[in-house]
Amino acid sequence: MIHPSFFVCGILSREEESTQYITLLSKEKRDYESIQVAFKSAVAQRREKQRERAVHAREELLRGSQDIAGARKQLQTESDIIRTSENITDSLRRTRNIMAQELEHSGAQLAAIEMSKERLLKAKSEYGDQHSLLSKSKGLIKVINWQNKSERYLLWAGLLLFCLVAMYIIQKRFLYFVPHSMRPMALLRYVAHML
């Protein structure tokens, strides 16, 4: 038989587990928000640098700068920076998607934990109701068993009494038809006399 304190311990560990999930969710949310802020600032810095480079490139073109090798090197550097920023952007998107999936998964787990907690509380109350019913049933079964045994003893005693009365009646009736010399007491006296 499961003791009711077992359910309370199960509920406490579930509550601790849900508290841990909530703290984990809040930490992940803070991390996500800080990554979003960093991403937005990185995008703004990149746009600002691109704008500055475009302004600088226009100024050089207007000045008549014919340094093609320098311009080619600058374009390669810019394309590397753009590729790197795109890689970082993709990485941040993947991280955001993973965090969103984790948030959904954690939310589903919290909902399952709450449902389990409700079921455990309901089972605990039903167990309490059934416990009192079972104790009453146990008492009734003891009374029924006692009555069964007493009735059995009474029946055996009645049967024994009936058999004794029947044997007495048969003996009295039987002795009526048996001659006096053939009666058991007469035979015993005869055997005792012979000895």
C-alpha atoms as a PDB file:
ATOM      1  CA  MET A   1       0.000   0.000   0.000  1.00  0.00           C
ATOM      2  CA  ILE A   2       1.426   3.406  -1.015  1.00  0.00           C
ATOM      3  CA  HIS A   3       1.670   5.911   1.757  1.00  0.00           C
ATOM      4  CA  PRO A   4       0.104   9.382   1.065  1.00  0.00           C
ATOM      5  CA  SER A   5       3.403  11.122   1.868  1.00  0.00           C
ATOM      6  CA  PHE A   6       4.807   9.547  -1.310  1.00  0.00           C
ATOM      7  CA  PHE A   7       2.527  11.740  -3.392  1.00  0.00           C
ATOM      8  CA  VAL A   8       3.587  14.875  -1.495  1.00  0.00           C
ATOM      9  CA  CYS A   9       7.283  14.098  -2.110  1.00  0.00           C
ATOM     10  CA  GLY A  10       6.524  13.567  -5.814  1.00  0.00           C
ATOM     11  CA  ILE A  11       4.737  16.920  -5.953  1.00  0.00           C
ATOM     12  CA  LEU A  12       7.600  18.730  -4.207  1.00  0.00           C
ATOM     13  CA  SER A  13      10.195  17.356  -6.624  1.00  0.00           C
ATOM     14  CA  ARG A  14       7.910  18.305  -9.542  1.00  0.00           C
ATOM     15  CA  GLU A  15       7.619  21.827  -8.128  1.00  0.00           C
ATOM     16  CA  GLU A  16      11.387  22.062  -7.771  1.00  0.00           C
ATOM     17  CA  GLU A  17      11.777  20.803 -11.314  1.00  0.00           C
ATOM     18  CA  SER A  18       9.283  23.352 -12.641  1.00  0.00           C
ATOM     19  CA  THR A  19      11.144  26.101 -10.722  1.00  0.00           C
ATOM     20  CA  GLN A  20      14.377  24.994 -12.364  1.00  0.00           C
ATOM     21  CA  TYR A  21      12.716  25.089 -15.791  1.00  0.00           C
ATOM     22  CA  ILE A  22      11.384  28.565 -15.120  1.00  0.00           C
ATOM     23  CA  THR A  23      14.826  29.859 -14.082  1.00  0.00           C
ATOM     24  CA  LEU A  24      16.365  28.183 -17.134  1.00  0.00           C
ATOM     25  CA  LEU A  25      13.746  29.806 -19.367  1.00  0.00           C
ATOM     26  CA  SER A  26      14.339  33.240 -17.880  1.00  0.00           C
ATOM     27  CA  LYS A  27      18.124  32.847 -18.326  1.00  0.00           C
ATOM     28  CA  GLU A  28      17.679  31.732 -21.940  1.00  0.00           C
ATOM     29  CA  LYS A  29      15.327  34.669 -22.548  1.00  0.00           C
ATOM     30  CA  ARG A  30      17.883  37.130 -21.147  1.00  0.00           C
ATOM     31  CA  ASP A  31      20.614  35.558 -23.308  1.00  0.00           C
ATOM     32  CA  TYR A  32      18.365  35.739 -26.344  1.00  0.00           C
ATOM     33  CA  GLU A  33      17.559  39.399 -25.722  1.00  0.00           C
ATOM     34  CA  SER A  34      21.243  40.266 -25.226  1.00  0.00           C
ATOM     35  CA  ILE A  35      22.113  38.466 -28.476  1.00  0.00           C
ATOM     36  CA  GLN A  36      19.360  40.387 -30.269  1.00  0.00           C
ATOM     37  CA  VAL A  37      20.704  43.680 -28.955  1.00  0.00           C
ATOM     38  CA  ALA A  38      24.258  42.729 -29.995  1.00  0.00           C
ATOM     39  CA  PHE A  39      23.016  41.647 -33.416  1.00  0.00           C
ATOM     40  CA  LYS A  40      21.122  44.896 -33.967  1.00  0.00           C
ATOM     41  CA  SER A  41      24.116  46.966 -32.932  1.00  0.00           C
ATOM     42  CA  ALA A  42      26.407  44.903 -35.234  1.00  0.00           C
ATOM     43  CA  VAL A  43      24.008  45.440 -38.150  1.00  0.00           C
ATOM     44  CA  ALA A  44      23.859  49.170 -37.410  1.00  0.00           C
ATOM     45  CA  GLN A  45      27.679  49.383 -37.228  1.00  0.00           C
ATOM     46  CA  ARG A  46      28.007  47.470 -40.507  1.00  0.00           C
ATOM     47  CA  ARG A  47      25.556  49.799 -42.241  1.00  0.00           C
ATOM     48  CA  GLU A  48      27.388  52.813 -40.850  1.00  0.00           C
ATOM     49  CA  LYS A  49      30.763  51.464 -42.046  1.00  0.00           C
ATOM     50  CA  GLN A  50      29.326  50.652 -45.469  1.00  0.00           C
ATOM     51  CA  ARG A  51      27.906  54.129 -45.696  1.00  0.00           C
ATOM     52  CA  GLU A  52      31.239  55.631 -44.660  1.00  0.00           C
ATOM     53  CA  ARG A  53      33.061  53.485 -47.234  1.00  0.00           C
ATOM     54  CA  ALA A  54      30.600  54.463 -49.919  1.00  0.00           C
ATOM     55  CA  VAL A  55      31.089  58.139 -49.051  1.00  0.00           C
ATOM     56  CA  HIS A  56      34.878  57.618 -49.000  1.00  0.00           C
ATOM     57  CA  ALA A  57      34.758  55.759 -52.345  1.00  0.00           C
ATOM     58  CA  ARG A  58      32.706  58.579 -53.905  1.00  0.00           C
ATOM     59  CA  GLU A  59      35.138  61.146 -52.609  1.00  0.00           C
ATOM     60  CA  GLU A  60      38.076  59.221 -54.090  1.00  0.00           C
ATOM     61  CA  LEU A  61      36.284  58.824 -57.399  1.00  0.00           C
ATOM     62  CA  LEU A  62      35.512  62.499 -57.428  1.00  0.00           C
ATOM     63  CA  ARG A  63      39.112  63.316 -56.583  1.00  0.00           C
ATOM     64  CA  GLY A  64      40.221  61.191 -59.480  1.00  0.00           C
ATOM     65  CA  SER A  65      42.090  58.512 -57.583  1.00  0.00           C
ATOM     66  CA  GLN A  66      43.307  55.888 -60.041  1.00  0.00           C
ATOM     67  CA  ASP A  67      44.697  53.403 -57.512  1.00  0.00           C
ATOM     68  CA  ILE A  68      43.018  50.258 -58.908  1.00  0.00           C
ATOM     69  CA  ALA A  69      45.066  47.809 -56.820  1.00  0.00           C
ATOM     70  CA  GLY A  70      44.106  49.604 -53.614  1.00  0.00           C
ATOM     71  CA  ALA A  71      40.474  49.661 -54.697  1.00  0.00           C
ATOM     72  CA  ARG A  72      40.572  45.926 -55.527  1.00  0.00           C
ATOM     73  CA  LYS A  73      42.139  45.136 -52.134  1.00  0.00           C
ATOM     74  CA  GLN A  74      39.529  47.266 -50.420  1.00  0.00           C
ATOM     75  CA  LEU A  75      36.745  45.453 -52.330  1.00  0.00           C
ATOM     76  CA  GLN A  76      38.174  42.045 -51.274  1.00  0.00           C
ATOM     77  CA  THR A  77      38.358  43.209 -47.663  1.00  0.00           C
ATOM     78  CA  GLU A  78      34.798  44.487 -47.858  1.00  0.00           C
ATOM     79  CA  SER A  79      33.577  41.210 -49.405  1.00  0.00           C
ATOM     80  CA  ASP A  80      35.334  39.276 -46.615  1.00  0.00           C
ATOM     81  CA  ILE A  81      33.670  41.507 -44.046  1.00  0.00           C
ATOM     82  CA  ILE A  82      30.283  41.046 -45.736  1.00  0.00           C
ATOM     83  CA  ARG A  83      30.774  37.256 -45.874  1.00  0.00           C
ATOM     84  CA  THR A  84      31.804  37.191 -42.224  1.00  0.00           C
ATOM     85  CA  SER A  85      28.828  39.311 -41.189  1.00  0.00           C
ATOM     86  CA  GLU A  86      26.511  37.052 -43.216  1.00  0.00           C
ATOM     87  CA  ASN A  87      27.989  34.009 -41.474  1.00  0.00           C
ATOM     88  CA  ILE A  88      27.462  35.680 -38.103  1.00  0.00           C
ATOM     89  CA  THR A  89      23.913  36.578 -39.112  1.00  0.00           C
ATOM     90  CA  ASP A  90      23.179  32.977 -40.134  1.00  0.00           C
ATOM     91  CA  SER A  91      24.707  31.735 -36.899  1.00  0.00           C
ATOM     92  CA  LEU A  92      22.562  34.136 -34.882  1.00  0.00           C
ATOM     93  CA  ARG A  93      19.443  33.039 -36.794  1.00  0.00           C
ATOM     94  CA  ARG A  94      20.221  29.374 -36.079  1.00  0.00           C
ATOM     95  CA  THR A  95      20.805  30.236 -32.419  1.00  0.00           C
ATOM     96  CA  ARG A  96      17.513  32.120 -32.293  1.00  0.00           C
ATOM     97  CA  ASN A  97      15.666  29.182 -33.882  1.00  0.00           C
ATOM     98  CA  ILE A  98      17.268  26.727 -31.447  1.00  0.00           C
ATOM     99  CA  MET A  99      16.346  28.942 -28.503  1.00  0.00           C
ATOM    100  CA  ALA A 100      12.770  29.264 -29.796  1.00  0.00           C
ATOM    101  CA  GLN A 101      12.546  25.475 -30.083  1.00  0.00           C
ATOM    102  CA  GLU A 102      13.936  25.081 -26.563  1.00  0.00           C
ATOM    103  CA  LEU A 103      11.393  27.609 -25.258  1.00  0.00           C
ATOM    104  CA  GLU A 104       8.559  25.698 -26.933  1.00  0.00           C
ATOM    105  CA  HIS A 105       9.904  22.393 -25.595  1.00  0.00           C
ATOM    106  CA  SER A 106      10.263  23.801 -22.083  1.00  0.00           C
ATOM    107  CA  GLY A 107       6.770  25.272 -22.228  1.00  0.00           C
ATOM    108  CA  ALA A 108       5.376  21.883 -23.256  1.00  0.00           C
ATOM    109  CA  GLN A 109       7.281  20.238 -20.404  1.00  0.00           C
ATOM    110  CA  LEU A 110       5.911  22.776 -17.920  1.00  0.00           C
ATOM    111  CA  ALA A 111       2.383  22.141 -19.184  1.00  0.00           C
ATOM    112  CA  ALA A 112       2.944  18.382 -18.820  1.00  0.00           C
ATOM    113  CA  ILE A 113       4.295  18.887 -15.293  1.00  0.00           C
ATOM    114  CA  GLU A 114       1.261  20.982 -14.339  1.00  0.00           C
ATOM    115  CA  MET A 115      -1.069  18.338 -15.755  1.00  0.00           C
ATOM    116  CA  SER A 116       0.821  15.622 -13.843  1.00  0.00           C
ATOM    117  CA  LYS A 117       0.585  17.699 -10.664  1.00  0.00           C
ATOM    118  CA  GLU A 118      -3.176  18.060 -11.082  1.00  0.00           C
ATOM    119  CA  ARG A 119      -3.533  14.321 -11.697  1.00  0.00           C
ATOM    120  CA  LEU A 120      -1.443  13.511  -8.632  1.00  0.00           C
ATOM    121  CA  LEU A 121      -3.545  15.800  -6.447  1.00  0.00           C
ATOM    122  CA  LYS A 122      -6.703  14.202  -7.812  1.00  0.00           C
ATOM    123  CA  ALA A 123      -5.266  10.713  -7.233  1.00  0.00           C
ATOM    124  CA  LYS A 124      -4.294  11.708  -3.688  1.00  0.00           C
ATOM    125  CA  SER A 125      -7.828  12.873  -2.886  1.00  0.00           C
ATOM    126  CA  GLU A 126      -9.280   9.712  -4.440  1.00  0.00           C
ATOM    127  CA  TYR A 127      -6.831   7.642  -2.432  1.00  0.00           C
ATOM    128  CA  GLY A 128      -7.980   9.344   0.765  1.00  0.00           C
ATOM    129  CA  ASP A 129     -11.608   8.630  -0.127  1.00  0.00           C
ATOM    130  CA  GLN A 130     -10.837   5.033  -0.984  1.00  0.00           C
ATOM    131  CA  HIS A 131      -8.763   4.566   2.158  1.00  0.00           C
ATOM    132  CA  SER A 132     -11.753   5.285   4.399  1.00  0.00           C
ATOM    133  CA  LEU A 133     -13.953   3.092   2.218  1.00  0.00           C
ATOM    134  CA  LEU A 134     -11.389   0.278   2.382  1.00  0.00           C
ATOM    135  CA  SER A 135     -11.147   0.488   6.174  1.00  0.00           C
ATOM    136  CA  LYS A 136     -14.956   0.266   6.437  1.00  0.00           C
ATOM    137  CA  SER A 137     -14.948  -2.685   4.039  1.00  0.00           C
ATOM    138  CA  LYS A 138     -12.243  -4.398   6.065  1.00  0.00           C
ATOM    139  CA  GLY A 139     -14.366  -4.077   9.218  1.00  0.00           C
ATOM    140  CA  LEU A 140     -17.411  -5.471   7.415  1.00  0.00           C
ATOM    141  CA  ILE A 141     -15.411  -8.412   6.100  1.00  0.00           C
ATOM    142  CA  LYS A 142     -14.203  -9.205   9.633  1.00  0.00           C
ATOM    143  CA  VAL A 143     -17.806  -9.160  10.909  1.00  0.00           C
ATOM    144  CA  ILE A 144     -18.961 -11.388   8.030  1.00  0.00           C
ATOM    145  CA  ASN A 145     -16.128 -13.868   8.665  1.00  0.00           C
ATOM    146  CA  TRP A 146     -16.953 -13.991  12.386  1.00  0.00           C
ATOM    147  CA  GLN A 147     -20.637 -14.598  11.613  1.00  0.00           C
ATOM    148  CA  ASN A 148     -19.708 -17.286   9.090  1.00  0.00           C
ATOM    149  CA  LYS A 149     -17.567 -19.132  11.649  1.00  0.00           C
ATOM    150  CA  SER A 150     -20.201 -18.858  14.400  1.00  0.00           C
ATOM    151  CA  GLU A 151     -22.928 -20.125  12.065  1.00  0.00           C
ATOM    152  CA  ARG A 152     -20.704 -23.031  10.978  1.00  0.00           C
ATOM    153  CA  TYR A 153     -20.071 -24.028  14.612  1.00  0.00           C
ATOM    154  CA  LEU A 154     -23.779 -23.712  15.363  1.00  0.00           C
ATOM    155  CA  LEU A 155     -24.680 -25.927  12.387  1.00  0.00           C
ATOM    156  CA  TRP A 156     -22.144 -28.598  13.421  1.00  0.00           C
ATOM    157  CA  ALA A 157     -23.429 -28.513  17.002  1.00  0.00           C
ATOM    158  CA  GLY A 158     -27.015 -28.834  15.727  1.00  0.00           C
ATOM    159  CA  LEU A 159     -26.056 -31.724  13.458  1.00  0.00           C
ATOM    160  CA  LEU A 160     -24.278 -33.498  16.330  1.00  0.00           C
ATOM    161  CA  LEU A 161     -27.287 -33.009  18.609  1.00  0.00           C
ATOM    162  CA  PHE A 162     -29.609 -34.285  15.889  1.00  0.00           C
ATOM    163  CA  CYS A 163     -27.436 -37.383  15.351  1.00  0.00           C
ATOM    164  CA  LEU A 164     -27.344 -38.083  19.103  1.00  0.00           C
ATOM    165  CA  VAL A 165     -31.123 -37.739  19.414  1.00  0.00           C
ATOM    166  CA  ALA A 166     -31.638 -39.931  16.342  1.00  0.00           C
ATOM    167  CA  MET A 167     -29.285 -42.581  17.736  1.00  0.00           C
ATOM    168  CA  TYR A 168     -31.106 -42.465  21.091  1.00  0.00           C
ATOM    169  CA  ILE A 169     -34.461 -42.871  19.402  1.00  0.00           C
ATOM    170  CA  ILE A 170     -33.176 -45.704  17.214  1.00  0.00           C
ATOM    171  CA  GLN A 171     -31.650 -47.431  20.217  1.00  0.00           C
ATOM    172  CA  LYS A 172     -34.887 -47.200  22.162  1.00  0.00           C
ATOM    173  CA  ARG A 173     -36.898 -48.444  19.168  1.00  0.00           C
ATOM    174  CA  PHE A 174     -34.378 -51.132  18.351  1.00  0.00           C
ATOM    175  CA  LEU A 175     -34.296 -52.450  21.920  1.00  0.00           C
ATOM    176  CA  TYR A 176     -38.062 -52.798  21.834  1.00  0.00           C
ATOM    177  CA  PHE A 177     -37.770 -55.506  19.150  1.00  0.00           C
ATOM    178  CA  VAL A 178     -34.683 -57.224  20.588  1.00  0.00           C
ATOM    179  CA  PRO A 179     -35.250 -59.886  23.235  1.00  0.00           C
ATOM    180  CA  HIS A 180     -33.971 -59.093  26.692  1.00  0.00           C
ATOM    181  CA  SER A 181     -31.160 -61.620  26.482  1.00  0.00           C
ATOM    182  CA  MET A 182     -29.794 -60.077  23.276  1.00  0.00           C
ATOM    183  CA  ARG A 183     -29.626 -56.546  24.581  1.00  0.00           C
ATOM    184  CA  PRO A 184     -26.121 -55.058  24.899  1.00  0.00           C
ATOM    185  CA  MET A 185     -26.216 -54.724  28.664  1.00  0.00           C
ATOM    186  CA  ALA A 186     -27.407 -58.254  29.072  1.00  0.00           C
ATOM    187  CA  LEU A 187     -24.639 -59.511  26.804  1.00  0.00           C
ATOM    188  CA  LEU A 188     -22.050 -57.583  28.791  1.00  0.00           C
ATOM    189  CA  ARG A 189     -23.335 -59.044  32.041  1.00  0.00           C
ATOM    190  CA  TYR A 190     -23.257 -62.510  30.508  1.00  0.00           C
ATOM    191  CA  VAL A 191     -19.661 -62.045  29.319  1.00  0.00           C
ATOM    192  CA  ALA A 192     -18.669 -60.645  32.707  1.00  0.00           C
ATOM    193  CA  HIS A 193     -20.319 -63.541  34.423  1.00  0.00           C
ATOM    194  CA  MET A 194     -18.496 -66.056  32.236  1.00  0.00           C
ATOM    195  CA  LEU A 195     -15.191 -64.640  33.090  1.00  0.00           C
END
